[in-house]
Amino acid sequence: MAQIKPDKINLAEVHDCFTIAEVISYEDLGFCNVGEGGKLVDSGATSLDGRIPVNTSGGLKAKGHPVGATGTPQAYEMYLQLTDQAERRQVKDAQIGLTQNIGGSGATAAVHIYRRDQ
């Protein structure tokens, strides 16, 4: 709906309640082909200085997983990133970010696209 292709996303915060959930999200969001999420991680593409930094906040595993409220810190991280306030976590020249949150063991999903005010 946003008409933004995966290669235009500069950073993402994805639901990483389990490691495999994060890896599958890379594939589902089009950051890599299906079955290649592990290779994406191994390549360094998801690191802070990689092609598509993911979970710059540390993700759910770093800050806890308050069921029902996990999207709030994801949105806050996008705000910090797109206003150049993320300090040591700052993604250089971030213009477009994505958050992805899953609920009910995959029964629901919400994806939001954020763009720096131009």
PDB file of N, CA and C in Angstrom:
ATOM      1  N   MET A   1       0.810  -1.190   0.000  1.00  0.00           N
ATOM      2  CA  MET A   1       0.000   0.000   0.000  1.00  0.00           C
ATOM      3  C   MET A   1       0.857   1.260   0.000  1.00  0.00           C
ATOM      4  N   ALA A   2       2.026   1.192   0.635  1.00  0.00           N
ATOM      5  CA  ALA A   2       2.914   2.355   0.693  1.00  0.00           C
ATOM      6  C   ALA A   2       3.701   2.532  -0.603  1.00  0.00           C
ATOM      7  N   GLN A   3       3.663   1.539  -1.460  1.00  0.00           N
ATOM      8  CA  GLN A   3       4.404   1.556  -2.721  1.00  0.00           C
ATOM      9  C   GLN A   3       5.904   1.781  -2.492  1.00  0.00           C
ATOM     10  N   ILE A   4       6.419   1.145  -1.459  1.00  0.00           N
ATOM     11  CA  ILE A   4       7.848   1.176  -1.130  1.00  0.00           C
ATOM     12  C   ILE A   4       8.377  -0.248  -1.272  1.00  0.00           C
ATOM     13  N   LYS A   5       9.345  -0.440  -2.120  1.00  0.00           N
ATOM     14  CA  LYS A   5       9.945  -1.756  -2.322  1.00  0.00           C
ATOM     15  C   LYS A   5      10.929  -2.062  -1.179  1.00  0.00           C
ATOM     16  N   PRO A   6      11.139  -3.341  -0.862  1.00  0.00           N
ATOM     17  CA  PRO A   6      12.044  -3.710   0.225  1.00  0.00           C
ATOM     18  C   PRO A   6      13.439  -3.090   0.110  1.00  0.00           C
ATOM     19  N   ASP A   7      13.954  -2.908  -1.109  1.00  0.00           N
ATOM     20  CA  ASP A   7      15.301  -2.361  -1.253  1.00  0.00           C
ATOM     21  C   ASP A   7      15.375  -0.865  -0.947  1.00  0.00           C
ATOM     22  N   LYS A   8      14.228  -0.223  -0.714  1.00  0.00           N
ATOM     23  CA  LYS A   8      14.207   1.207  -0.363  1.00  0.00           C
ATOM     24  C   LYS A   8      14.168   1.418   1.152  1.00  0.00           C
ATOM     25  N   ILE A   9      13.977   0.341   1.915  1.00  0.00           N
ATOM     26  CA  ILE A   9      13.933   0.424   3.379  1.00  0.00           C
ATOM     27  C   ILE A   9      15.364   0.541   3.900  1.00  0.00           C
ATOM     28  N   ASN A  10      15.618   1.537   4.747  1.00  0.00           N
ATOM     29  CA  ASN A  10      16.954   1.758   5.294  1.00  0.00           C
ATOM     30  C   ASN A  10      17.211   1.025   6.602  1.00  0.00           C
ATOM     31  N   LEU A  11      16.157   0.719   7.350  1.00  0.00           N
ATOM     32  CA  LEU A  11      16.303  -0.015   8.599  1.00  0.00           C
ATOM     33  C   LEU A  11      14.962  -0.592   8.988  1.00  0.00           C
ATOM     34  N   ALA A  12      14.989  -1.595   9.873  1.00  0.00           N
ATOM     35  CA  ALA A  12      13.748  -2.247  10.294  1.00  0.00           C
ATOM     36  C   ALA A  12      13.844  -2.684  11.749  1.00  0.00           C
ATOM     37  N   GLU A  13      12.687  -2.662  12.389  1.00  0.00           N
ATOM     38  CA  GLU A  13      12.503  -3.272  13.710  1.00  0.00           C
ATOM     39  C   GLU A  13      11.482  -4.375  13.494  1.00  0.00           C
ATOM     40  N   VAL A  14      11.889  -5.619  13.683  1.00  0.00           N
ATOM     41  CA  VAL A  14      10.986  -6.743  13.447  1.00  0.00           C
ATOM     42  C   VAL A  14      10.767  -7.534  14.728  1.00  0.00           C
ATOM     43  N   HIS A  15       9.680  -8.270  14.749  1.00  0.00           N
ATOM     44  CA  HIS A  15       9.272  -9.069  15.905  1.00  0.00           C
ATOM     45  C   HIS A  15      10.217 -10.266  16.030  1.00  0.00           C
ATOM     46  N   ASP A  16      11.028 -10.255  17.071  1.00  0.00           N
ATOM     47  CA  ASP A  16      12.019 -11.331  17.250  1.00  0.00           C
ATOM     48  C   ASP A  16      11.794 -12.091  18.553  1.00  0.00           C
ATOM     49  N   CYS A  17      10.541 -12.490  18.786  1.00  0.00           N
ATOM     50  CA  CYS A  17      10.235 -13.249  20.002  1.00  0.00           C
ATOM     51  C   CYS A  17      11.070 -14.538  20.071  1.00  0.00           C
ATOM     52  N   PHE A  18      11.413 -15.056  18.921  1.00  0.00           N
ATOM     53  CA  PHE A  18      12.322 -16.199  18.787  1.00  0.00           C
ATOM     54  C   PHE A  18      13.260 -15.864  17.635  1.00  0.00           C
ATOM     55  N   THR A  19      14.471 -16.365  17.675  1.00  0.00           N
ATOM     56  CA  THR A  19      15.438 -16.077  16.620  1.00  0.00           C
ATOM     57  C   THR A  19      14.882 -16.430  15.250  1.00  0.00           C
ATOM     58  N   ILE A  20      14.239 -17.575  15.143  1.00  0.00           N
ATOM     59  CA  ILE A  20      13.723 -17.992  13.843  1.00  0.00           C
ATOM     60  C   ILE A  20      12.636 -17.045  13.348  1.00  0.00           C
ATOM     61  N   ALA A  21      11.881 -16.429  14.261  1.00  0.00           N
ATOM     62  CA  ALA A  21      10.838 -15.477  13.849  1.00  0.00           C
ATOM     63  C   ALA A  21      11.464 -14.280  13.143  1.00  0.00           C
ATOM     64  N   GLU A  22      12.602 -13.828  13.639  1.00  0.00           N
ATOM     65  CA  GLU A  22      13.293 -12.710  12.990  1.00  0.00           C
ATOM     66  C   GLU A  22      13.795 -13.115  11.608  1.00  0.00           C
ATOM     67  N   VAL A  23      14.395 -14.275  11.517  1.00  0.00           N
ATOM     68  CA  VAL A  23      14.939 -14.745  10.241  1.00  0.00           C
ATOM     69  C   VAL A  23      13.819 -14.924   9.207  1.00  0.00           C
ATOM     70  N   ILE A  24      12.709 -15.497   9.620  1.00  0.00           N
ATOM     71  CA  ILE A  24      11.573 -15.664   8.710  1.00  0.00           C
ATOM     72  C   ILE A  24      11.029 -14.303   8.280  1.00  0.00           C
ATOM     73  N   SER A  25      11.050 -13.335   9.189  1.00  0.00           N
ATOM     74  CA  SER A  25      10.575 -11.989   8.846  1.00  0.00           C
ATOM     75  C   SER A  25      11.409 -11.371   7.732  1.00  0.00           C
ATOM     76  N   TYR A  26      12.715 -11.590   7.742  1.00  0.00           N
ATOM     77  CA  TYR A  26      13.563 -11.073   6.656  1.00  0.00           C
ATOM     78  C   TYR A  26      13.049 -11.567   5.306  1.00  0.00           C
ATOM     79  N   GLU A  27      12.695 -12.842   5.290  1.00  0.00           N
ATOM     80  CA  GLU A  27      12.221 -13.462   4.057  1.00  0.00           C
ATOM     81  C   GLU A  27      10.832 -12.949   3.687  1.00  0.00           C
ATOM     82  N   ASP A  28       9.924 -12.918   4.660  1.00  0.00           N
ATOM     83  CA  ASP A  28       8.550 -12.471   4.406  1.00  0.00           C
ATOM     84  C   ASP A  28       8.480 -11.014   3.971  1.00  0.00           C
ATOM     85  N   LEU A  29       9.375 -10.185   4.480  1.00  0.00           N
ATOM     86  CA  LEU A  29       9.381  -8.766   4.132  1.00  0.00           C
ATOM     87  C   LEU A  29      10.116  -8.473   2.825  1.00  0.00           C
ATOM     88  N   GLY A  30      10.725  -9.490   2.247  1.00  0.00           N
ATOM     89  CA  GLY A  30      11.392  -9.329   0.956  1.00  0.00           C
ATOM     90  C   GLY A  30      12.811  -8.812   1.041  1.00  0.00           C
ATOM     91  N   PHE A  31      13.418  -8.865   2.226  1.00  0.00           N
ATOM     92  CA  PHE A  31      14.806  -8.423   2.361  1.00  0.00           C
ATOM     93  C   PHE A  31      15.763  -9.457   1.769  1.00  0.00           C
ATOM     94  N   CYS A  32      15.268 -10.680   1.584  1.00  0.00           N
ATOM     95  CA  CYS A  32      16.029 -11.749   0.939  1.00  0.00           C
ATOM     96  C   CYS A  32      15.037 -12.779   0.423  1.00  0.00           C
ATOM     97  N   ASN A  33      15.509 -13.731  -0.323  1.00  0.00           N
ATOM     98  CA  ASN A  33      14.652 -14.794  -0.833  1.00  0.00           C
ATOM     99  C   ASN A  33      14.295 -15.775   0.285  1.00  0.00           C
ATOM    100  N   VAL A  34      13.192 -16.477   0.100  1.00  0.00           N
ATOM    101  CA  VAL A  34      12.772 -17.500   1.054  1.00  0.00           C
ATOM    102  C   VAL A  34      13.882 -18.539   1.190  1.00  0.00           C
ATOM    103  N   GLY A  35      14.204 -18.875   2.426  1.00  0.00           N
ATOM    104  CA  GLY A  35      15.253 -19.850   2.700  1.00  0.00           C
ATOM    105  C   GLY A  35      16.636 -19.242   2.839  1.00  0.00           C
ATOM    106  N   GLU A  36      16.751 -17.911   2.634  1.00  0.00           N
ATOM    107  CA  GLU A  36      18.066 -17.272   2.689  1.00  0.00           C
ATOM    108  C   GLU A  36      18.223 -16.286   3.841  1.00  0.00           C
ATOM    109  N   GLY A  37      17.307 -16.323   4.812  1.00  0.00           N
ATOM    110  CA  GLY A  37      17.395 -15.416   5.957  1.00  0.00           C
ATOM    111  C   GLY A  37      18.671 -15.599   6.766  1.00  0.00           C
ATOM    112  N   GLY A  38      19.064 -16.843   6.973  1.00  0.00           N
ATOM    113  CA  GLY A  38      20.304 -17.114   7.706  1.00  0.00           C
ATOM    114  C   GLY A  38      21.515 -16.568   6.988  1.00  0.00           C
ATOM    115  N   LYS A  39      21.527 -16.716   5.676  1.00  0.00           N
ATOM    116  CA  LYS A  39      22.636 -16.177   4.873  1.00  0.00           C
ATOM    117  C   LYS A  39      22.682 -14.657   4.953  1.00  0.00           C
ATOM    118  N   LEU A  40      21.501 -14.026   5.033  1.00  0.00           N
ATOM    119  CA  LEU A  40      21.450 -12.564   5.152  1.00  0.00           C
ATOM    120  C   LEU A  40      22.142 -12.117   6.433  1.00  0.00           C
ATOM    121  N   VAL A  41      21.870 -12.827   7.522  1.00  0.00           N
ATOM    122  CA  VAL A  41      22.520 -12.518   8.793  1.00  0.00           C
ATOM    123  C   VAL A  41      24.025 -12.749   8.685  1.00  0.00           C
ATOM    124  N   ASP A  42      24.411 -13.910   8.169  1.00  0.00           N
ATOM    125  CA  ASP A  42      25.830 -14.255   8.050  1.00  0.00           C
ATOM    126  C   ASP A  42      26.605 -13.252   7.201  1.00  0.00           C
ATOM    127  N   SER A  43      25.927 -12.632   6.238  1.00  0.00           N
ATOM    128  CA  SER A  43      26.606 -11.674   5.355  1.00  0.00           C
ATOM    129  C   SER A  43      26.883 -10.337   6.038  1.00  0.00           C
ATOM    130  N   GLY A  44      26.243 -10.108   7.185  1.00  0.00           N
ATOM    131  CA  GLY A  44      26.417  -8.828   7.875  1.00  0.00           C
ATOM    132  C   GLY A  44      25.431  -7.763   7.426  1.00  0.00           C
ATOM    133  N   ALA A  45      24.535  -8.105   6.513  1.00  0.00           N
ATOM    134  CA  ALA A  45      23.598  -7.125   5.960  1.00  0.00           C
ATOM    135  C   ALA A  45      22.650  -6.544   7.001  1.00  0.00           C
ATOM    136  N   THR A  46      22.370  -7.280   8.083  1.00  0.00           N
ATOM    137  CA  THR A  46      21.423  -6.803   9.091  1.00  0.00           C
ATOM    138  C   THR A  46      22.102  -6.095  10.261  1.00  0.00           C
ATOM    139  N   SER A  47      23.415  -5.954  10.208  1.00  0.00           N
ATOM    140  CA  SER A  47      24.141  -5.260  11.287  1.00  0.00           C
ATOM    141  C   SER A  47      23.977  -3.740  11.143  1.00  0.00           C
ATOM    142  N   LEU A  48      24.385  -3.016  12.149  1.00  0.00           N
ATOM    143  CA  LEU A  48      24.186  -1.566  12.182  1.00  0.00           C
ATOM    144  C   LEU A  48      24.737  -0.866  10.950  1.00  0.00           C
ATOM    145  N   ASP A  49      25.856  -1.326  10.430  1.00  0.00           N
ATOM    146  CA  ASP A  49      26.435  -0.696   9.240  1.00  0.00           C
ATOM    147  C   ASP A  49      26.184  -1.518   7.970  1.00  0.00           C
ATOM    148  N   GLY A  50      25.228  -2.451   8.052  1.00  0.00           N
ATOM    149  CA  GLY A  50      24.913  -3.301   6.911  1.00  0.00           C
ATOM    150  C   GLY A  50      23.929  -2.668   5.944  1.00  0.00           C
ATOM    151  N   ARG A  51      23.561  -3.419   4.940  1.00  0.00           N
ATOM    152  CA  ARG A  51      22.642  -2.961   3.897  1.00  0.00           C
ATOM    153  C   ARG A  51      21.253  -2.665   4.447  1.00  0.00           C
ATOM    154  N   ILE A  52      20.769  -3.474   5.401  1.00  0.00           N
ATOM    155  CA  ILE A  52      19.453  -3.287   6.004  1.00  0.00           C
ATOM    156  C   ILE A  52      19.555  -3.561   7.510  1.00  0.00           C
ATOM    157  N   PRO A  53      20.012  -2.568   8.277  1.00  0.00           N
ATOM    158  CA  PRO A  53      20.118  -2.774   9.728  1.00  0.00           C
ATOM    159  C   PRO A  53      18.760  -3.163  10.329  1.00  0.00           C
ATOM    160  N   VAL A  54      18.766  -4.210  11.133  1.00  0.00           N
ATOM    161  CA  VAL A  54      17.539  -4.706  11.744  1.00  0.00           C
ATOM    162  C   VAL A  54      17.687  -4.731  13.261  1.00  0.00           C
ATOM    163  N   ASN A  55      16.629  -4.308  13.933  1.00  0.00           N
ATOM    164  CA  ASN A  55      16.559  -4.293  15.396  1.00  0.00           C
ATOM    165  C   ASN A  55      17.729  -3.542  16.016  1.00  0.00           C
ATOM    166  N   THR A  56      17.886  -2.320  15.572  1.00  0.00           N
ATOM    167  CA  THR A  56      18.943  -1.461  16.108  1.00  0.00           C
ATOM    168  C   THR A  56      18.746  -1.195  17.597  1.00  0.00           C
ATOM    169  N   SER A  57      17.522  -1.326  18.069  1.00  0.00           N
ATOM    170  CA  SER A  57      17.218  -1.145  19.488  1.00  0.00           C
ATOM    171  C   SER A  57      17.667  -2.336  20.320  1.00  0.00           C
ATOM    172  N   GLY A  58      17.990  -3.423  19.668  1.00  0.00           N
ATOM    173  CA  GLY A  58      18.303  -4.664  20.359  1.00  0.00           C
ATOM    174  C   GLY A  58      17.190  -5.673  20.228  1.00  0.00           C
ATOM    175  N   GLY A  59      16.024  -5.215  19.774  1.00  0.00           N
ATOM    176  CA  GLY A  59      14.891  -6.104  19.589  1.00  0.00           C
ATOM    177  C   GLY A  59      14.225  -6.503  20.890  1.00  0.00           C
ATOM    178  N   LEU A  60      13.221  -7.333  20.774  1.00  0.00           N
ATOM    179  CA  LEU A  60      12.458  -7.761  21.945  1.00  0.00           C
ATOM    180  C   LEU A  60      13.325  -8.518  22.937  1.00  0.00           C
ATOM    181  N   LYS A  61      14.268  -9.278  22.440  1.00  0.00           N
ATOM    182  CA  LYS A  61      15.118 -10.061  23.334  1.00  0.00           C
ATOM    183  C   LYS A  61      15.982  -9.178  24.228  1.00  0.00           C
ATOM    184  N   ALA A  62      16.304  -7.970  23.766  1.00  0.00           N
ATOM    185  CA  ALA A  62      17.156  -7.075  24.547  1.00  0.00           C
ATOM    186  C   ALA A  62      16.366  -6.245  25.545  1.00  0.00           C
ATOM    187  N   LYS A  63      15.107  -5.951  25.230  1.00  0.00           N
ATOM    188  CA  LYS A  63      14.361  -5.038  26.098  1.00  0.00           C
ATOM    189  C   LYS A  63      13.124  -5.663  26.732  1.00  0.00           C
ATOM    190  N   GLY A  64      12.881  -6.912  26.468  1.00  0.00           N
ATOM    191  CA  GLY A  64      11.706  -7.572  27.019  1.00  0.00           C
ATOM    192  C   GLY A  64      10.610  -7.653  25.983  1.00  0.00           C
ATOM    193  N   HIS A  65       9.617  -8.463  26.281  1.00  0.00           N
ATOM    194  CA  HIS A  65       8.545  -8.732  25.338  1.00  0.00           C
ATOM    195  C   HIS A  65       7.208  -8.533  26.055  1.00  0.00           C
ATOM    196  N   PRO A  66       6.829  -7.261  26.252  1.00  0.00           N
ATOM    197  CA  PRO A  66       5.545  -7.010  26.912  1.00  0.00           C
ATOM    198  C   PRO A  66       4.407  -7.273  25.930  1.00  0.00           C
ATOM    199  N   VAL A  67       3.828  -8.444  25.998  1.00  0.00           N
ATOM    200  CA  VAL A  67       2.800  -8.845  25.045  1.00  0.00           C
ATOM    201  C   VAL A  67       1.728  -7.757  24.952  1.00  0.00           C
ATOM    202  N   GLY A  68       1.420  -7.371  23.724  1.00  0.00           N
ATOM    203  CA  GLY A  68       0.433  -6.327  23.482  1.00  0.00           C
ATOM    204  C   GLY A  68       1.024  -4.937  23.374  1.00  0.00           C
ATOM    205  N   ALA A  69       2.264  -4.778  23.817  1.00  0.00           N
ATOM    206  CA  ALA A  69       2.875  -3.447  23.794  1.00  0.00           C
ATOM    207  C   ALA A  69       4.188  -3.406  23.025  1.00  0.00           C
ATOM    208  N   THR A  70       4.531  -4.478  22.331  1.00  0.00           N
ATOM    209  CA  THR A  70       5.833  -4.547  21.673  1.00  0.00           C
ATOM    210  C   THR A  70       5.991  -3.548  20.529  1.00  0.00           C
ATOM    211  N   GLY A  71       4.901  -3.124  19.920  1.00  0.00           N
ATOM    212  CA  GLY A  71       4.987  -2.170  18.816  1.00  0.00           C
ATOM    213  C   GLY A  71       5.364  -0.774  19.250  1.00  0.00           C
ATOM    214  N   THR A  72       5.074  -0.418  20.495  1.00  0.00           N
ATOM    215  CA  THR A  72       5.369   0.932  20.967  1.00  0.00           C
ATOM    216  C   THR A  72       6.863   1.237  20.957  1.00  0.00           C
ATOM    217  N   PRO A  73       7.715   0.396  21.535  1.00  0.00           N
ATOM    218  CA  PRO A  73       9.150   0.697  21.457  1.00  0.00           C
ATOM    219  C   PRO A  73       9.714   0.594  20.045  1.00  0.00           C
ATOM    220  N   GLN A  74       9.089  -0.214  19.189  1.00  0.00           N
ATOM    221  CA  GLN A  74       9.534  -0.260  17.793  1.00  0.00           C
ATOM    222  C   GLN A  74       9.294   1.090  17.123  1.00  0.00           C
ATOM    223  N   ALA A  75       8.116   1.649  17.325  1.00  0.00           N
ATOM    224  CA  ALA A  75       7.786   2.959  16.744  1.00  0.00           C
ATOM    225  C   ALA A  75       8.700   4.040  17.312  1.00  0.00           C
ATOM    226  N   TYR A  76       8.998   3.951  18.597  1.00  0.00           N
ATOM    227  CA  TYR A  76       9.886   4.938  19.226  1.00  0.00           C
ATOM    228  C   TYR A  76      11.292   4.857  18.632  1.00  0.00           C
ATOM    229  N   GLU A  77      11.774   3.647  18.385  1.00  0.00           N
ATOM    230  CA  GLU A  77      13.101   3.504  17.775  1.00  0.00           C
ATOM    231  C   GLU A  77      13.107   4.135  16.386  1.00  0.00           C
ATOM    232  N   MET A  78      12.030   3.960  15.618  1.00  0.00           N
ATOM    233  CA  MET A  78      11.964   4.602  14.296  1.00  0.00           C
ATOM    234  C   MET A  78      12.000   6.113  14.435  1.00  0.00           C
ATOM    235  N   TYR A  79      11.275   6.646  15.409  1.00  0.00           N
ATOM    236  CA  TYR A  79      11.298   8.090  15.656  1.00  0.00           C
ATOM    237  C   TYR A  79      12.727   8.558  15.933  1.00  0.00           C
ATOM    238  N   LEU A  80      13.407   7.859  16.837  1.00  0.00           N
ATOM    239  CA  LEU A  80      14.791   8.240  17.169  1.00  0.00           C
ATOM    240  C   LEU A  80      15.684   8.164  15.943  1.00  0.00           C
ATOM    241  N   GLN A  81      15.570   7.098  15.187  1.00  0.00           N
ATOM    242  CA  GLN A  81      16.420   6.917  14.001  1.00  0.00           C
ATOM    243  C   GLN A  81      16.162   7.996  12.952  1.00  0.00           C
ATOM    244  N   LEU A  82      14.897   8.288  12.684  1.00  0.00           N
ATOM    245  CA  LEU A  82      14.566   9.210  11.601  1.00  0.00           C
ATOM    246  C   LEU A  82      14.663  10.681  12.006  1.00  0.00           C
ATOM    247  N   THR A  83      14.983  10.914  13.274  1.00  0.00           N
ATOM    248  CA  THR A  83      15.249  12.290  13.735  1.00  0.00           C
ATOM    249  C   THR A  83      16.696  12.423  14.222  1.00  0.00           C
ATOM    250  N   ASP A  84      17.535  11.460  13.864  1.00  0.00           N
ATOM    251  CA  ASP A  84      18.970  11.455  14.207  1.00  0.00           C
ATOM    252  C   ASP A  84      19.239  11.569  15.702  1.00  0.00           C
ATOM    253  N   GLN A  85      18.431  10.866  16.498  1.00  0.00           N
ATOM    254  CA  GLN A  85      18.609  10.897  17.948  1.00  0.00           C
ATOM    255  C   GLN A  85      18.948   9.533  18.535  1.00  0.00           C
ATOM    256  N   ALA A  86      19.354   8.587  17.702  1.00  0.00           N
ATOM    257  CA  ALA A  86      19.594   7.226  18.175  1.00  0.00           C
ATOM    258  C   ALA A  86      21.003   7.011  18.732  1.00  0.00           C
ATOM    259  N   GLU A  87      21.782   8.059  18.804  1.00  0.00           N
ATOM    260  CA  GLU A  87      23.132   8.025  19.380  1.00  0.00           C
ATOM    261  C   GLU A  87      23.974   6.915  18.766  1.00  0.00           C
ATOM    262  N   ARG A  88      24.544   6.015  19.566  1.00  0.00           N
ATOM    263  CA  ARG A  88      25.449   4.983  19.038  1.00  0.00           C
ATOM    264  C   ARG A  88      24.754   3.979  18.136  1.00  0.00           C
ATOM    265  N   ARG A  89      23.430   3.945  18.174  1.00  0.00           N
ATOM    266  CA  ARG A  89      22.662   3.021  17.326  1.00  0.00           C
ATOM    267  C   ARG A  89      22.270   3.669  16.003  1.00  0.00           C
ATOM    268  N   GLN A  90      22.646   4.909  15.781  1.00  0.00           N
ATOM    269  CA  GLN A  90      22.165   5.662  14.628  1.00  0.00           C
ATOM    270  C   GLN A  90      22.567   5.028  13.305  1.00  0.00           C
ATOM    271  N   VAL A  91      21.587   4.825  12.445  1.00  0.00           N
ATOM    272  CA  VAL A  91      21.825   4.356  11.087  1.00  0.00           C
ATOM    273  C   VAL A  91      22.089   5.591  10.231  1.00  0.00           C
ATOM    274  N   LYS A  92      23.234   5.618   9.594  1.00  0.00           N
ATOM    275  CA  LYS A  92      23.637   6.775   8.803  1.00  0.00           C
ATOM    276  C   LYS A  92      22.673   7.006   7.639  1.00  0.00           C
ATOM    277  N   ASP A  93      22.229   8.239   7.501  1.00  0.00           N
ATOM    278  CA  ASP A  93      21.369   8.674   6.392  1.00  0.00           C
ATOM    279  C   ASP A  93      20.046   7.911   6.302  1.00  0.00           C
ATOM    280  N   ALA A  94      19.521   7.468   7.429  1.00  0.00           N
ATOM    281  CA  ALA A  94      18.242   6.742   7.419  1.00  0.00           C
ATOM    282  C   ALA A  94      17.118   7.666   6.965  1.00  0.00           C
ATOM    283  N   GLN A  95      16.396   7.236   5.952  1.00  0.00           N
ATOM    284  CA  GLN A  95      15.272   8.008   5.409  1.00  0.00           C
ATOM    285  C   GLN A  95      13.938   7.279   5.537  1.00  0.00           C
ATOM    286  N   ILE A  96      13.966   5.946   5.383  1.00  0.00           N
ATOM    287  CA  ILE A  96      12.742   5.149   5.419  1.00  0.00           C
ATOM    288  C   ILE A  96      12.959   3.947   6.334  1.00  0.00           C
ATOM    289  N   GLY A  97      12.052   3.775   7.291  1.00  0.00           N
ATOM    290  CA  GLY A  97      12.131   2.655   8.213  1.00  0.00           C
ATOM    291  C   GLY A  97      10.858   1.832   8.199  1.00  0.00           C
ATOM    292  N   LEU A  98      10.955   0.634   8.725  1.00  0.00           N
ATOM    293  CA  LEU A  98       9.832  -0.297   8.759  1.00  0.00           C
ATOM    294  C   LEU A  98       9.763  -0.944  10.124  1.00  0.00           C
ATOM    295  N   THR A  99       8.558  -1.090  10.648  1.00  0.00           N
ATOM    296  CA  THR A  99       8.354  -1.911  11.842  1.00  0.00           C
ATOM    297  C   THR A  99       7.379  -3.014  11.491  1.00  0.00           C
ATOM    298  N   GLN A 100       7.613  -4.182  12.084  1.00  0.00           N
ATOM    299  CA  GLN A 100       6.770  -5.351  11.855  1.00  0.00           C
ATOM    300  C   GLN A 100       6.540  -6.019  13.194  1.00  0.00           C
ATOM    301  N   ASN A 101       5.265  -6.212  13.528  1.00  0.00           N
ATOM    302  CA  ASN A 101       4.904  -6.800  14.809  1.00  0.00           C
ATOM    303  C   ASN A 101       3.913  -7.925  14.571  1.00  0.00           C
ATOM    304  N   ILE A 102       4.063  -9.009  15.316  1.00  0.00           N
ATOM    305  CA  ILE A 102       3.224 -10.190  15.161  1.00  0.00           C
ATOM    306  C   ILE A 102       2.511 -10.456  16.479  1.00  0.00           C
ATOM    307  N   GLY A 103       1.269 -10.881  16.406  1.00  0.00           N
ATOM    308  CA  GLY A 103       0.514 -11.238  17.602  1.00  0.00           C
ATOM    309  C   GLY A 103      -0.199 -12.560  17.424  1.00  0.00           C
ATOM    310  N   GLY A 104      -0.568 -13.139  18.545  1.00  0.00           N
ATOM    311  CA  GLY A 104      -1.353 -14.369  18.497  1.00  0.00           C
ATOM    312  C   GLY A 104      -0.674 -15.506  17.770  1.00  0.00           C
ATOM    313  N   SER A 105       0.601 -15.703  18.016  1.00  0.00           N
ATOM    314  CA  SER A 105       1.378 -16.780  17.374  1.00  0.00           C
ATOM    315  C   SER A 105       1.253 -16.742  15.857  1.00  0.00           C
ATOM    316  N   GLY A 106       1.271 -15.540  15.308  1.00  0.00           N
ATOM    317  CA  GLY A 106       1.226 -15.377  13.865  1.00  0.00           C
ATOM    318  C   GLY A 106      -0.163 -15.136  13.313  1.00  0.00           C
ATOM    319  N   ALA A 107      -1.162 -15.045  14.181  1.00  0.00           N
ATOM    320  CA  ALA A 107      -2.534 -14.840  13.718  1.00  0.00           C
ATOM    321  C   ALA A 107      -2.738 -13.433  13.166  1.00  0.00           C
ATOM    322  N   THR A 108      -1.975 -12.474  13.677  1.00  0.00           N
ATOM    323  CA  THR A 108      -2.071 -11.093  13.201  1.00  0.00           C
ATOM    324  C   THR A 108      -0.672 -10.542  12.967  1.00  0.00           C
ATOM    325  N   ALA A 109      -0.590  -9.585  12.076  1.00  0.00           N
ATOM    326  CA  ALA A 109       0.688  -8.919  11.819  1.00  0.00           C
ATOM    327  C   ALA A 109       0.404  -7.475  11.434  1.00  0.00           C
ATOM    328  N   ALA A 110       1.266  -6.589  11.873  1.00  0.00           N
ATOM    329  CA  ALA A 110       1.151  -5.178  11.512  1.00  0.00           C
ATOM    330  C   ALA A 110       2.509  -4.708  11.011  1.00  0.00           C
ATOM    331  N   VAL A 111       2.503  -4.097   9.839  1.00  0.00           N
ATOM    332  CA  VAL A 111       3.732  -3.534   9.259  1.00  0.00           C
ATOM    333  C   VAL A 111       3.475  -2.056   9.001  1.00  0.00           C
ATOM    334  N   HIS A 112       4.393  -1.226   9.486  1.00  0.00           N
ATOM    335  CA  HIS A 112       4.283   0.216   9.281  1.00  0.00           C
ATOM    336  C   HIS A 112       5.547   0.699   8.588  1.00  0.00           C
ATOM    337  N   ILE A 113       5.391   1.648   7.689  1.00  0.00           N
ATOM    338  CA  ILE A 113       6.497   2.296   6.990  1.00  0.00           C
ATOM    339  C   ILE A 113       6.578   3.736   7.489  1.00  0.00           C
ATOM    340  N   TYR A 114       7.766   4.170   7.810  1.00  0.00           N
ATOM    341  CA  TYR A 114       8.014   5.519   8.324  1.00  0.00           C
ATOM    342  C   TYR A 114       8.977   6.222   7.374  1.00  0.00           C
ATOM    343  N   ARG A 115       8.749   7.491   7.164  1.00  0.00           N
ATOM    344  CA  ARG A 115       9.634   8.267   6.291  1.00  0.00           C
ATOM    345  C   ARG A 115      10.040   9.544   7.016  1.00  0.00           C
ATOM    346  N   ARG A 116      11.307   9.873   6.877  1.00  0.00           N
ATOM    347  CA  ARG A 116      11.811  11.116   7.459  1.00  0.00           C
ATOM    348  C   ARG A 116      11.071  12.282   6.806  1.00  0.00           C
ATOM    349  N   ASP A 117      10.678  13.254   7.607  1.00  0.00           N
ATOM    350  CA  ASP A 117      10.005  14.439   7.074  1.00  0.00           C
ATOM    351  C   ASP A 117      10.944  15.153   6.121  1.00  0.00           C
ATOM    352  N   GLN A 118      10.447  15.423   4.927  1.00  0.00           N
ATOM    353  CA  GLN A 118      11.328  16.016   3.915  1.00  0.00           C
ATOM    354  C   GLN A 118      11.085  17.468   3.720  1.00  0.00           C
TER     355      GLN A 118
END
